[in-house]
Amino acid sequence: MATKEEVKKLMDDRDELDKQLADHFAILKVNNVDMETPLVDAEGFPRADIDVYAVREARNKVICKLSFPNPLTDMFEMSKQF
């Protein structure tokens, strides 16, 4: 069974993860793109109206944070059962 301190730390860690995700999605929003918007034009050249590097980096970080099993969420959900 998790103690109050452990649950508090898990909640803080999860809040930090949520903040990081929000920061990455903000980069996408500033560039008016989402996770599926093409980064090249019809001729195959990188789009000049967006920061392609920042968008690729933000997308990568979102995918990494959401794709792998998240032990924080699992532990947090388990601790709420007790």
N, C-alpha and C. Protein backbone atom coordinates (compact mmCIF):
# COMPACT_ATOMS: atom_id res chain seq x y z
N MET A 1 0.85 -1.19 0.00
CA MET A 1 0.00 0.00 0.00
C MET A 1 0.89 1.24 0.00
N ALA A 2 0.49 2.23 -0.76
CA ALA A 2 1.28 3.46 -0.91
C ALA A 2 0.99 4.42 0.23
N THR A 3 2.04 5.10 0.66
CA THR A 3 1.87 6.10 1.71
C THR A 3 1.45 7.42 1.07
N LYS A 4 1.03 8.35 1.92
CA LYS A 4 0.63 9.67 1.43
C LYS A 4 1.76 10.35 0.68
N GLU A 5 2.98 10.21 1.20
CA GLU A 5 4.14 10.85 0.56
C GLU A 5 4.40 10.26 -0.82
N GLU A 6 4.26 8.94 -0.94
CA GLU A 6 4.47 8.29 -2.23
C GLU A 6 3.42 8.74 -3.24
N VAL A 7 2.18 8.81 -2.79
CA VAL A 7 1.10 9.25 -3.67
C VAL A 7 1.31 10.70 -4.08
N LYS A 8 1.72 11.54 -3.15
CA LYS A 8 1.99 12.95 -3.44
C LYS A 8 3.10 13.07 -4.48
N LYS A 9 4.16 12.28 -4.32
CA LYS A 9 5.26 12.32 -5.29
C LYS A 9 4.79 11.86 -6.66
N LEU A 10 3.96 10.80 -6.70
CA LEU A 10 3.42 10.33 -7.97
C LEU A 10 2.56 11.40 -8.63
N MET A 11 1.76 12.07 -7.84
CA MET A 11 0.92 13.14 -8.38
C MET A 11 1.78 14.28 -8.92
N ASP A 12 2.83 14.64 -8.19
CA ASP A 12 3.74 15.70 -8.65
C ASP A 12 4.45 15.30 -9.95
N ASP A 13 4.89 14.05 -10.01
CA ASP A 13 5.56 13.55 -11.22
C ASP A 13 4.60 13.54 -12.41
N ARG A 14 3.38 13.14 -12.15
CA ARG A 14 2.37 13.12 -13.22
C ARG A 14 2.04 14.55 -13.68
N ASP A 15 1.95 15.47 -12.74
CA ASP A 15 1.72 16.87 -13.10
C ASP A 15 2.85 17.41 -13.96
N GLU A 16 4.09 17.03 -13.65
CA GLU A 16 5.25 17.45 -14.43
C GLU A 16 5.17 16.87 -15.84
N LEU A 17 4.78 15.62 -15.96
CA LEU A 17 4.62 15.00 -17.26
C LEU A 17 3.54 15.72 -18.08
N ASP A 18 2.42 16.03 -17.43
CA ASP A 18 1.35 16.76 -18.11
C ASP A 18 1.82 18.14 -18.57
N LYS A 19 2.63 18.80 -17.76
CA LYS A 19 3.16 20.12 -18.13
C LYS A 19 4.08 20.01 -19.33
N GLN A 20 4.93 19.00 -19.33
CA GLN A 20 5.85 18.80 -20.46
C GLN A 20 5.06 18.54 -21.75
N LEU A 21 4.03 17.72 -21.66
CA LEU A 21 3.20 17.45 -22.84
C LEU A 21 2.52 18.72 -23.32
N ALA A 22 2.01 19.52 -22.39
CA ALA A 22 1.36 20.78 -22.77
C ALA A 22 2.35 21.71 -23.47
N ASP A 23 3.59 21.74 -22.99
CA ASP A 23 4.62 22.57 -23.62
C ASP A 23 4.88 22.11 -25.06
N HIS A 24 4.95 20.81 -25.26
CA HIS A 24 5.21 20.28 -26.61
C HIS A 24 4.04 20.56 -27.54
N PHE A 25 2.82 20.40 -27.03
CA PHE A 25 1.65 20.70 -27.86
C PHE A 25 1.54 22.19 -28.15
N ALA A 26 2.03 23.03 -27.25
CA ALA A 26 2.03 24.47 -27.50
C ALA A 26 2.93 24.82 -28.70
N ILE A 27 4.04 24.12 -28.82
CA ILE A 27 4.93 24.34 -29.97
C ILE A 27 4.19 24.00 -31.27
N LEU A 28 3.45 22.91 -31.25
CA LEU A 28 2.68 22.53 -32.43
C LEU A 28 1.63 23.59 -32.74
N LYS A 29 0.96 24.07 -31.71
CA LYS A 29 -0.10 25.06 -31.90
C LYS A 29 0.46 26.37 -32.47
N VAL A 30 1.60 26.81 -31.97
CA VAL A 30 2.22 28.05 -32.45
C VAL A 30 2.52 27.94 -33.95
N ASN A 31 2.87 26.75 -34.39
CA ASN A 31 3.20 26.53 -35.79
C ASN A 31 1.98 26.12 -36.63
N ASN A 32 0.80 26.12 -36.02
CA ASN A 32 -0.45 25.76 -36.70
C ASN A 32 -0.40 24.38 -37.35
N VAL A 33 0.15 23.42 -36.61
CA VAL A 33 0.19 22.04 -37.07
C VAL A 33 -0.29 21.12 -35.96
N ASP A 34 -0.56 19.88 -36.34
CA ASP A 34 -0.88 18.87 -35.33
C ASP A 34 0.09 17.71 -35.52
N MET A 35 -0.23 16.57 -34.97
CA MET A 35 0.67 15.43 -35.02
C MET A 35 0.73 14.79 -36.41
N GLU A 36 -0.18 15.17 -37.30
CA GLU A 36 -0.23 14.54 -38.62
C GLU A 36 -0.06 15.50 -39.78
N THR A 37 0.06 16.78 -39.52
CA THR A 37 0.21 17.76 -40.59
C THR A 37 1.52 17.52 -41.34
N PRO A 38 1.47 17.50 -42.68
CA PRO A 38 2.71 17.32 -43.45
C PRO A 38 3.71 18.45 -43.19
N LEU A 39 4.97 18.09 -43.15
CA LEU A 39 6.03 19.08 -42.92
C LEU A 39 6.72 19.48 -44.21
N VAL A 40 6.28 18.90 -45.31
CA VAL A 40 6.83 19.26 -46.62
C VAL A 40 5.70 19.77 -47.51
N ASP A 41 6.07 20.59 -48.50
CA ASP A 41 5.07 21.12 -49.42
C ASP A 41 4.78 20.10 -50.53
N ALA A 42 3.97 20.50 -51.50
CA ALA A 42 3.56 19.60 -52.58
C ALA A 42 4.74 19.11 -53.41
N GLU A 43 5.82 19.89 -53.43
CA GLU A 43 7.01 19.51 -54.20
C GLU A 43 8.02 18.71 -53.37
N GLY A 44 7.71 18.49 -52.11
CA GLY A 44 8.59 17.69 -51.26
C GLY A 44 9.65 18.48 -50.50
N PHE A 45 9.57 19.80 -50.55
CA PHE A 45 10.52 20.64 -49.82
C PHE A 45 9.97 20.96 -48.43
N PRO A 46 10.86 21.15 -47.44
CA PRO A 46 10.37 21.54 -46.11
C PRO A 46 9.57 22.84 -46.18
N ARG A 47 8.49 22.86 -45.45
CA ARG A 47 7.64 24.06 -45.44
C ARG A 47 8.38 25.22 -44.81
N ALA A 48 8.28 26.37 -45.44
CA ALA A 48 8.97 27.58 -44.97
C ALA A 48 8.15 28.33 -43.92
N ASP A 49 6.86 28.00 -43.79
CA ASP A 49 5.99 28.74 -42.88
C ASP A 49 5.96 28.16 -41.46
N ILE A 50 6.73 27.11 -41.23
CA ILE A 50 6.79 26.52 -39.88
C ILE A 50 8.24 26.22 -39.52
N ASP A 51 8.48 26.09 -38.23
CA ASP A 51 9.79 25.69 -37.73
C ASP A 51 9.81 24.16 -37.72
N VAL A 52 10.26 23.59 -38.83
CA VAL A 52 10.20 22.15 -39.02
C VAL A 52 10.97 21.41 -37.92
N TYR A 53 12.14 21.92 -37.55
CA TYR A 53 12.94 21.26 -36.52
C TYR A 53 12.18 21.23 -35.19
N ALA A 54 11.62 22.35 -34.78
CA ALA A 54 10.90 22.41 -33.50
C ALA A 54 9.68 21.50 -33.52
N VAL A 55 8.98 21.47 -34.64
CA VAL A 55 7.79 20.62 -34.74
C VAL A 55 8.18 19.15 -34.68
N ARG A 56 9.23 18.76 -35.40
CA ARG A 56 9.68 17.36 -35.36
C ARG A 56 10.12 16.96 -33.96
N GLU A 57 10.84 17.85 -33.30
CA GLU A 57 11.29 17.55 -31.95
C GLU A 57 10.11 17.42 -30.99
N ALA A 58 9.14 18.34 -31.08
CA ALA A 58 7.97 18.29 -30.21
C ALA A 58 7.16 17.02 -30.46
N ARG A 59 6.96 16.67 -31.73
CA ARG A 59 6.23 15.45 -32.06
C ARG A 59 6.93 14.22 -31.49
N ASN A 60 8.24 14.18 -31.65
CA ASN A 60 9.01 13.05 -31.13
C ASN A 60 8.85 12.91 -29.62
N LYS A 61 8.93 14.02 -28.92
CA LYS A 61 8.83 13.96 -27.46
C LYS A 61 7.43 13.55 -27.02
N VAL A 62 6.40 14.02 -27.72
CA VAL A 62 5.04 13.61 -27.39
C VAL A 62 4.89 12.11 -27.60
N ILE A 63 5.36 11.63 -28.75
CA ILE A 63 5.25 10.20 -29.05
C ILE A 63 5.98 9.37 -28.01
N CYS A 64 7.18 9.79 -27.65
CA CYS A 64 7.96 9.04 -26.65
C CYS A 64 7.25 9.00 -25.30
N LYS A 65 6.68 10.13 -24.90
CA LYS A 65 6.04 10.19 -23.59
C LYS A 65 4.72 9.43 -23.56
N LEU A 66 4.04 9.33 -24.69
CA LEU A 66 2.73 8.67 -24.72
C LEU A 66 2.80 7.21 -25.18
N SER A 67 3.85 6.83 -25.88
CA SER A 67 3.91 5.48 -26.45
C SER A 67 4.35 4.42 -25.46
N PHE A 68 5.25 4.76 -24.61
CA PHE A 68 5.78 3.78 -23.68
C PHE A 68 4.86 3.64 -22.48
N PRO A 69 4.78 2.45 -21.91
CA PRO A 69 3.96 2.29 -20.70
C PRO A 69 4.42 3.30 -19.64
N ASN A 70 3.46 3.95 -19.04
CA ASN A 70 3.78 4.99 -18.09
C ASN A 70 3.66 4.46 -16.67
N PRO A 71 4.77 4.18 -16.01
CA PRO A 71 4.70 3.64 -14.65
C PRO A 71 4.08 4.63 -13.67
N LEU A 72 4.19 5.93 -13.95
CA LEU A 72 3.58 6.91 -13.05
C LEU A 72 2.07 6.74 -13.01
N THR A 73 1.46 6.64 -14.17
CA THR A 73 0.01 6.47 -14.23
C THR A 73 -0.41 5.15 -13.61
N ASP A 74 0.32 4.08 -13.93
CA ASP A 74 -0.01 2.77 -13.37
C ASP A 74 0.07 2.78 -11.84
N MET A 75 1.14 3.34 -11.31
CA MET A 75 1.31 3.37 -9.84
C MET A 75 0.27 4.29 -9.21
N PHE A 76 -0.02 5.40 -9.87
CA PHE A 76 -1.01 6.33 -9.34
C PHE A 76 -2.39 5.67 -9.28
N GLU A 77 -2.77 4.98 -10.34
CA GLU A 77 -4.06 4.29 -10.37
C GLU A 77 -4.12 3.20 -9.32
N MET A 78 -3.04 2.47 -9.15
CA MET A 78 -3.00 1.41 -8.14
C MET A 78 -3.11 2.00 -6.73
N SER A 79 -2.46 3.14 -6.49
CA SER A 79 -2.49 3.72 -5.15
C SER A 79 -3.87 4.26 -4.80
N LYS A 80 -4.67 4.63 -5.82
CA LYS A 80 -6.01 5.16 -5.55
C LYS A 80 -6.96 4.06 -5.09
N GLN A 81 -6.60 2.81 -5.37
CA GLN A 81 -7.47 1.69 -4.98
C GLN A 81 -7.42 1.44 -3.48
N PHE A 82 -6.40 1.90 -2.81
CA PHE A 82 -6.26 1.61 -1.38
C PHE A 82 -6.69 2.75 -0.53
